[in-house]
Amino acid sequence: MKLDIRTDFTKFPRAVSVLSAGEAGAVAPYDRAVLAHDERHLRRRAIETARSDRVLVDLPEPVALNDGDRLVLEDGRHIEIVAAEEPLYDIRAESAVHLAELAWHIGNRHLAAAIEAERILILRDHVIKTMLEGLGATVSDVSEPFAPVRGAYSGHSHAHGESHAHSHAEAHSHAHSEAHSHSHSHDHD
């Protein structure tokens, strides 16, 4: 949601804390917010709920919210977070070792990925699809919630134990003992 820079955020209800999915108890949410994976990383930002209410998220530290987590407003009401369906690739391999090799190639390109026992999910990118198919993967289009693995350099500050606070440059500042390309020059449609 894009808000005008002149928006008076003092008129919005404020979300000031987070409860993980299992911590809400019997409290029914007053509303829901459907957010894509990158929108669920936040600290201070306005979001729009399913009822089209605007809420200012104003948390002390950055968090990465998961499906079912709750934002708690100053007045005690809860907003349930719903992971939005996103256009993804479902990547399957011939064996567990092959799946690990595919995960390595995806990680070497610094792509967000959800890694499961039988598959890997990534955001759609036709260049990456071609590469994976060339490596023997079966790649299918799916649309479902995306919950990528959180990186070693990202942590949340709430019950999930991580917070996301590194720059792309910081992720590349580690020493490389072997030469490999970090080229990100493929085009995205």
C-alpha atoms as a PDB file:
ATOM      1  CA  MET A   1       0.000   0.000   0.000  1.00  0.00           C
ATOM      2  CA  LYS A   2       1.363   3.406  -0.971  1.00  0.00           C
ATOM      3  CA  LEU A   3       0.441   6.225   1.337  1.00  0.00           C
ATOM      4  CA  ASP A   4       0.866   9.905   0.662  1.00  0.00           C
ATOM      5  CA  ILE A   5       3.874  11.388   2.482  1.00  0.00           C
ATOM      6  CA  ARG A   6       1.503  13.915   4.060  1.00  0.00           C
ATOM      7  CA  THR A   7      -0.648  11.199   5.642  1.00  0.00           C
ATOM      8  CA  ASP A   8      -1.357  11.884   9.306  1.00  0.00           C
ATOM      9  CA  PHE A   9      -0.282   8.608  10.914  1.00  0.00           C
ATOM     10  CA  THR A  10      -1.486   9.787  14.346  1.00  0.00           C
ATOM     11  CA  LYS A  11      -5.038   8.972  13.201  1.00  0.00           C
ATOM     12  CA  PHE A  12      -4.189   5.304  12.565  1.00  0.00           C
ATOM     13  CA  PRO A  13      -4.440   2.632  15.246  1.00  0.00           C
ATOM     14  CA  ARG A  14      -0.903   1.565  16.265  1.00  0.00           C
ATOM     15  CA  ALA A  15       0.359  -2.018  16.420  1.00  0.00           C
ATOM     16  CA  VAL A  16       2.979  -2.062  19.166  1.00  0.00           C
ATOM     17  CA  SER A  17       3.754  -5.744  19.767  1.00  0.00           C
ATOM     18  CA  VAL A  18       3.666  -9.201  18.189  1.00  0.00           C
ATOM     19  CA  LEU A  19       2.336 -12.562  19.326  1.00  0.00           C
ATOM     20  CA  SER A  20       3.413 -15.742  17.561  1.00  0.00           C
ATOM     21  CA  ALA A  21       0.664 -17.890  16.057  1.00  0.00           C
ATOM     22  CA  GLY A  22       0.219 -20.059  19.128  1.00  0.00           C
ATOM     23  CA  GLU A  23       0.299 -17.263  21.729  1.00  0.00           C
ATOM     24  CA  ALA A  24      -3.047 -15.581  20.982  1.00  0.00           C
ATOM     25  CA  GLY A  25      -5.095 -18.004  23.044  1.00  0.00           C
ATOM     26  CA  ALA A  26      -8.855 -17.529  22.728  1.00  0.00           C
ATOM     27  CA  VAL A  27      -8.610 -13.896  21.584  1.00  0.00           C
ATOM     28  CA  ALA A  28     -10.348 -13.564  18.229  1.00  0.00           C
ATOM     29  CA  PRO A  29      -8.675 -11.128  15.818  1.00  0.00           C
ATOM     30  CA  TYR A  30     -10.690  -8.028  14.972  1.00  0.00           C
ATOM     31  CA  ASP A  31      -9.233  -8.098  11.448  1.00  0.00           C
ATOM     32  CA  ARG A  32      -6.631  -9.714   9.198  1.00  0.00           C
ATOM     33  CA  ALA A  33      -3.818  -8.407   7.029  1.00  0.00           C
ATOM     34  CA  VAL A  34      -2.865 -10.452   3.965  1.00  0.00           C
ATOM     35  CA  LEU A  35       0.815  -9.819   3.245  1.00  0.00           C
ATOM     36  CA  ALA A  36       3.402 -11.225   0.826  1.00  0.00           C
ATOM     37  CA  HIS A  37       6.652 -12.621   2.276  1.00  0.00           C
ATOM     38  CA  ASP A  38       8.608  -9.372   1.779  1.00  0.00           C
ATOM     39  CA  GLU A  39       5.775  -7.312   3.322  1.00  0.00           C
ATOM     40  CA  ARG A  40       5.926  -9.461   6.468  1.00  0.00           C
ATOM     41  CA  HIS A  41       9.384  -8.027   7.297  1.00  0.00           C
ATOM     42  CA  LEU A  42       8.615  -4.814   9.098  1.00  0.00           C
ATOM     43  CA  ARG A  43       9.251  -2.495  11.993  1.00  0.00           C
ATOM     44  CA  ARG A  44       7.564   0.832  11.255  1.00  0.00           C
ATOM     45  CA  ARG A  45       5.175   0.953   8.337  1.00  0.00           C
ATOM     46  CA  ALA A  46       1.500   1.428   7.575  1.00  0.00           C
ATOM     47  CA  ILE A  47      -0.390  -1.645   6.428  1.00  0.00           C
ATOM     48  CA  GLU A  48      -3.936  -2.139   5.211  1.00  0.00           C
ATOM     49  CA  THR A  49      -6.233  -4.760   6.706  1.00  0.00           C
ATOM     50  CA  ALA A  50      -8.801  -6.927   4.918  1.00  0.00           C
ATOM     51  CA  ARG A  51     -11.479  -4.410   5.992  1.00  0.00           C
ATOM     52  CA  SER A  52      -9.412  -1.627   4.390  1.00  0.00           C
ATOM     53  CA  ASP A  53      -8.470  -0.129   7.755  1.00  0.00           C
ATOM     54  CA  ARG A  54      -5.029   1.393   7.924  1.00  0.00           C
ATOM     55  CA  VAL A  55      -2.801   0.474  10.836  1.00  0.00           C
ATOM     56  CA  LEU A  56       0.595   1.883  11.751  1.00  0.00           C
ATOM     57  CA  VAL A  57       2.960  -0.898  12.728  1.00  0.00           C
ATOM     58  CA  ASP A  58       5.347   0.709  15.211  1.00  0.00           C
ATOM     59  CA  LEU A  59       7.522  -2.017  16.735  1.00  0.00           C
ATOM     60  CA  PRO A  60      10.705  -1.513  18.791  1.00  0.00           C
ATOM     61  CA  GLU A  61      12.716  -3.865  16.518  1.00  0.00           C
ATOM     62  CA  PRO A  62      12.303  -5.347  13.032  1.00  0.00           C
ATOM     63  CA  VAL A  63      10.395  -8.632  12.843  1.00  0.00           C
ATOM     64  CA  ALA A  64       9.633 -11.255  10.223  1.00  0.00           C
ATOM     65  CA  LEU A  65       6.016 -12.268  10.688  1.00  0.00           C
ATOM     66  CA  ASN A  66       4.730 -15.725   9.846  1.00  0.00           C
ATOM     67  CA  ASP A  67       1.282 -16.885   8.818  1.00  0.00           C
ATOM     68  CA  GLY A  68      -0.964 -16.806  11.891  1.00  0.00           C
ATOM     69  CA  ASP A  69       1.146 -14.360  13.912  1.00  0.00           C
ATOM     70  CA  ARG A  70      -0.701 -11.444  15.479  1.00  0.00           C
ATOM     71  CA  LEU A  71      -0.028  -7.733  15.647  1.00  0.00           C
ATOM     72  CA  VAL A  72      -1.336  -6.319  18.939  1.00  0.00           C
ATOM     73  CA  LEU A  73      -2.780  -2.821  18.852  1.00  0.00           C
ATOM     74  CA  GLU A  74      -2.435  -0.310  21.687  1.00  0.00           C
ATOM     75  CA  ASP A  75      -6.069  -0.923  22.627  1.00  0.00           C
ATOM     76  CA  GLY A  76      -5.473  -4.706  22.874  1.00  0.00           C
ATOM     77  CA  ARG A  77      -7.175  -5.739  19.628  1.00  0.00           C
ATOM     78  CA  HIS A  78      -5.354  -8.251  17.410  1.00  0.00           C
ATOM     79  CA  ILE A  79      -4.709  -8.288  13.686  1.00  0.00           C
ATOM     80  CA  GLU A  80      -3.976 -11.761  12.345  1.00  0.00           C
ATOM     81  CA  ILE A  81      -1.264 -11.999   9.690  1.00  0.00           C
ATOM     82  CA  VAL A  82      -2.154 -14.136   6.674  1.00  0.00           C
ATOM     83  CA  ALA A  83       0.600 -15.134   4.255  1.00  0.00           C
ATOM     84  CA  ALA A  84      -0.529 -14.116   0.765  1.00  0.00           C
ATOM     85  CA  GLU A  85      -0.419 -16.546  -2.124  1.00  0.00           C
ATOM     86  CA  GLU A  86       2.474 -15.684  -4.429  1.00  0.00           C
ATOM     87  CA  PRO A  87       3.566 -16.886  -7.900  1.00  0.00           C
ATOM     88  CA  LEU A  88       6.238 -19.515  -7.195  1.00  0.00           C
ATOM     89  CA  TYR A  89       8.154 -22.365  -8.761  1.00  0.00           C
ATOM     90  CA  ASP A  90       7.800 -25.808  -7.175  1.00  0.00           C
ATOM     91  CA  ILE A  91      11.185 -27.462  -7.775  1.00  0.00           C
ATOM     92  CA  ARG A  92      11.502 -31.250  -7.574  1.00  0.00           C
ATOM     93  CA  ALA A  93      14.597 -33.410  -7.889  1.00  0.00           C
ATOM     94  CA  GLU A  94      15.519 -36.993  -8.743  1.00  0.00           C
ATOM     95  CA  SER A  95      16.902 -37.702  -5.256  1.00  0.00           C
ATOM     96  CA  ALA A  96      17.683 -36.089  -1.914  1.00  0.00           C
ATOM     97  CA  VAL A  97      21.264 -35.437  -3.042  1.00  0.00           C
ATOM     98  CA  HIS A  98      20.021 -33.843  -6.276  1.00  0.00           C
ATOM     99  CA  LEU A  99      17.641 -31.624  -4.251  1.00  0.00           C
ATOM    100  CA  ALA A 100      20.591 -30.534  -2.070  1.00  0.00           C
ATOM    101  CA  GLU A 101      22.600 -29.698  -5.206  1.00  0.00           C
ATOM    102  CA  LEU A 102      19.702 -27.629  -6.561  1.00  0.00           C
ATOM    103  CA  ALA A 103      19.447 -25.842  -3.201  1.00  0.00           C
ATOM    104  CA  TRP A 104      23.169 -25.043  -3.436  1.00  0.00           C
ATOM    105  CA  HIS A 105      22.728 -23.483  -6.902  1.00  0.00           C
ATOM    106  CA  ILE A 106      19.749 -21.440  -5.670  1.00  0.00           C
ATOM    107  CA  GLY A 107      21.650 -20.298  -2.575  1.00  0.00           C
ATOM    108  CA  ASN A 108      24.707 -19.408  -4.650  1.00  0.00           C
ATOM    109  CA  ARG A 109      22.460 -16.879  -6.420  1.00  0.00           C
ATOM    110  CA  HIS A 110      21.215 -15.476  -3.083  1.00  0.00           C
ATOM    111  CA  LEU A 111      17.583 -16.287  -3.907  1.00  0.00           C
ATOM    112  CA  ALA A 112      14.946 -16.560  -1.211  1.00  0.00           C
ATOM    113  CA  ALA A 113      13.848 -20.192  -0.977  1.00  0.00           C
ATOM    114  CA  ALA A 114      11.509 -22.343   1.095  1.00  0.00           C
ATOM    115  CA  ILE A 115      13.197 -25.719   1.455  1.00  0.00           C
ATOM    116  CA  GLU A 116      11.091 -28.761   2.243  1.00  0.00           C
ATOM    117  CA  ALA A 117      11.870 -32.494   2.324  1.00  0.00           C
ATOM    118  CA  GLU A 118      10.589 -33.127  -1.215  1.00  0.00           C
ATOM    119  CA  ARG A 119      10.764 -29.721  -2.887  1.00  0.00           C
ATOM    120  CA  ILE A 120      12.100 -26.172  -2.967  1.00  0.00           C
ATOM    121  CA  LEU A 121       9.900 -23.122  -3.566  1.00  0.00           C
ATOM    122  CA  ILE A 122      11.245 -19.887  -5.069  1.00  0.00           C
ATOM    123  CA  LEU A 123       9.693 -16.785  -6.623  1.00  0.00           C
ATOM    124  CA  ARG A 124       9.240 -17.153 -10.375  1.00  0.00           C
ATOM    125  CA  ASP A 125      12.158 -16.095 -12.570  1.00  0.00           C
ATOM    126  CA  HIS A 126      12.304 -17.576 -16.072  1.00  0.00           C
ATOM    127  CA  VAL A 127      16.122 -17.426 -16.223  1.00  0.00           C
ATOM    128  CA  ILE A 128      16.446 -19.410 -12.995  1.00  0.00           C
ATOM    129  CA  LYS A 129      13.789 -21.855 -14.228  1.00  0.00           C
ATOM    130  CA  THR A 130      15.826 -22.533 -17.363  1.00  0.00           C
ATOM    131  CA  MET A 131      18.979 -23.057 -15.273  1.00  0.00           C
ATOM    132  CA  LEU A 132      17.225 -25.478 -12.899  1.00  0.00           C
ATOM    133  CA  GLU A 133      15.665 -27.475 -15.732  1.00  0.00           C
ATOM    134  CA  GLY A 134      19.141 -27.665 -17.310  1.00  0.00           C
ATOM    135  CA  LEU A 135      20.331 -29.198 -14.028  1.00  0.00           C
ATOM    136  CA  GLY A 136      17.643 -31.897 -14.266  1.00  0.00           C
ATOM    137  CA  ALA A 137      14.993 -30.361 -11.986  1.00  0.00           C
ATOM    138  CA  THR A 138      11.270 -30.602 -12.596  1.00  0.00           C
ATOM    139  CA  VAL A 139       9.906 -27.067 -12.243  1.00  0.00           C
ATOM    140  CA  SER A 140       6.169 -26.309 -11.971  1.00  0.00           C
ATOM    141  CA  ASP A 141       4.251 -23.062 -11.549  1.00  0.00           C
ATOM    142  CA  VAL A 142       2.294 -22.874  -8.280  1.00  0.00           C
ATOM    143  CA  SER A 143       0.560 -20.128  -6.346  1.00  0.00           C
ATOM    144  CA  GLU A 144       0.724 -20.485  -2.569  1.00  0.00           C
ATOM    145  CA  PRO A 145       2.004 -18.702   0.541  1.00  0.00           C
ATOM    146  CA  PHE A 146       5.785 -18.247   0.536  1.00  0.00           C
ATOM    147  CA  ALA A 147       7.803 -18.628   3.724  1.00  0.00           C
ATOM    148  CA  PRO A 148      11.469 -18.652   2.711  1.00  0.00           C
ATOM    149  CA  VAL A 149      14.215 -19.830   5.034  1.00  0.00           C
ATOM    150  CA  ARG A 150      15.646 -16.945   7.047  1.00  0.00           C
ATOM    151  CA  GLY A 151      19.331 -16.401   6.384  1.00  0.00           C
ATOM    152  CA  ALA A 152      22.172 -16.652   8.857  1.00  0.00           C
ATOM    153  CA  TYR A 153      22.564 -12.862   8.753  1.00  0.00           C
ATOM    154  CA  SER A 154      18.915 -12.200   9.449  1.00  0.00           C
ATOM    155  CA  GLY A 155      17.326 -12.650  12.794  1.00  0.00           C
ATOM    156  CA  HIS A 156      13.909 -11.937  14.274  1.00  0.00           C
ATOM    157  CA  SER A 157      13.349 -10.149  17.448  1.00  0.00           C
ATOM    158  CA  HIS A 158      10.192 -11.954  18.516  1.00  0.00           C
ATOM    159  CA  ALA A 159       9.390 -15.550  19.415  1.00  0.00           C
ATOM    160  CA  HIS A 160      10.709 -16.932  16.135  1.00  0.00           C
ATOM    161  CA  GLY A 161      14.210 -15.867  17.166  1.00  0.00           C
ATOM    162  CA  GLU A 162      15.449 -13.730  14.247  1.00  0.00           C
ATOM    163  CA  SER A 163      15.536 -10.128  12.916  1.00  0.00           C
ATOM    164  CA  HIS A 164      16.164  -8.994   9.362  1.00  0.00           C
ATOM    165  CA  ALA A 165      18.813  -6.301   9.468  1.00  0.00           C
ATOM    166  CA  HIS A 166      21.555  -6.661   6.862  1.00  0.00           C
ATOM    167  CA  SER A 167      22.197  -4.979   3.579  1.00  0.00           C
ATOM    168  CA  HIS A 168      22.890  -6.793   0.318  1.00  0.00           C
ATOM    169  CA  ALA A 169      26.407  -5.332   0.415  1.00  0.00           C
ATOM    170  CA  GLU A 170      26.981  -6.776   3.894  1.00  0.00           C
ATOM    171  CA  ALA A 171      25.976 -10.220   2.656  1.00  0.00           C
ATOM    172  CA  HIS A 172      28.718  -9.993   0.026  1.00  0.00           C
ATOM    173  CA  SER A 173      31.425  -8.679   2.344  1.00  0.00           C
ATOM    174  CA  HIS A 174      32.530 -12.120   3.491  1.00  0.00           C
ATOM    175  CA  ALA A 175      35.856 -13.420   2.194  1.00  0.00           C
ATOM    176  CA  HIS A 176      35.797 -15.696  -0.835  1.00  0.00           C
ATOM    177  CA  SER A 177      38.522 -18.339  -1.028  1.00  0.00           C
ATOM    178  CA  GLU A 178      37.242 -19.568  -4.370  1.00  0.00           C
ATOM    179  CA  ALA A 179      36.260 -17.535  -7.377  1.00  0.00           C
ATOM    180  CA  HIS A 180      32.623 -17.528  -8.344  1.00  0.00           C
ATOM    181  CA  SER A 181      30.333 -15.067 -10.006  1.00  0.00           C
ATOM    182  CA  HIS A 182      27.739 -12.988  -8.209  1.00  0.00           C
ATOM    183  CA  SER A 183      26.362 -11.715 -11.472  1.00  0.00           C
ATOM    184  CA  HIS A 184      22.728 -10.714 -11.190  1.00  0.00           C
ATOM    185  CA  SER A 185      22.462  -9.447 -14.748  1.00  0.00           C
ATOM    186  CA  HIS A 186      19.594 -11.629 -15.953  1.00  0.00           C
ATOM    187  CA  ASP A 187      16.471  -9.710 -16.852  1.00  0.00           C
ATOM    188  CA  HIS A 188      13.151 -10.144 -15.085  1.00  0.00           C
ATOM    189  CA  ASP A 189       9.892  -9.887 -16.959  1.00  0.00           C
END
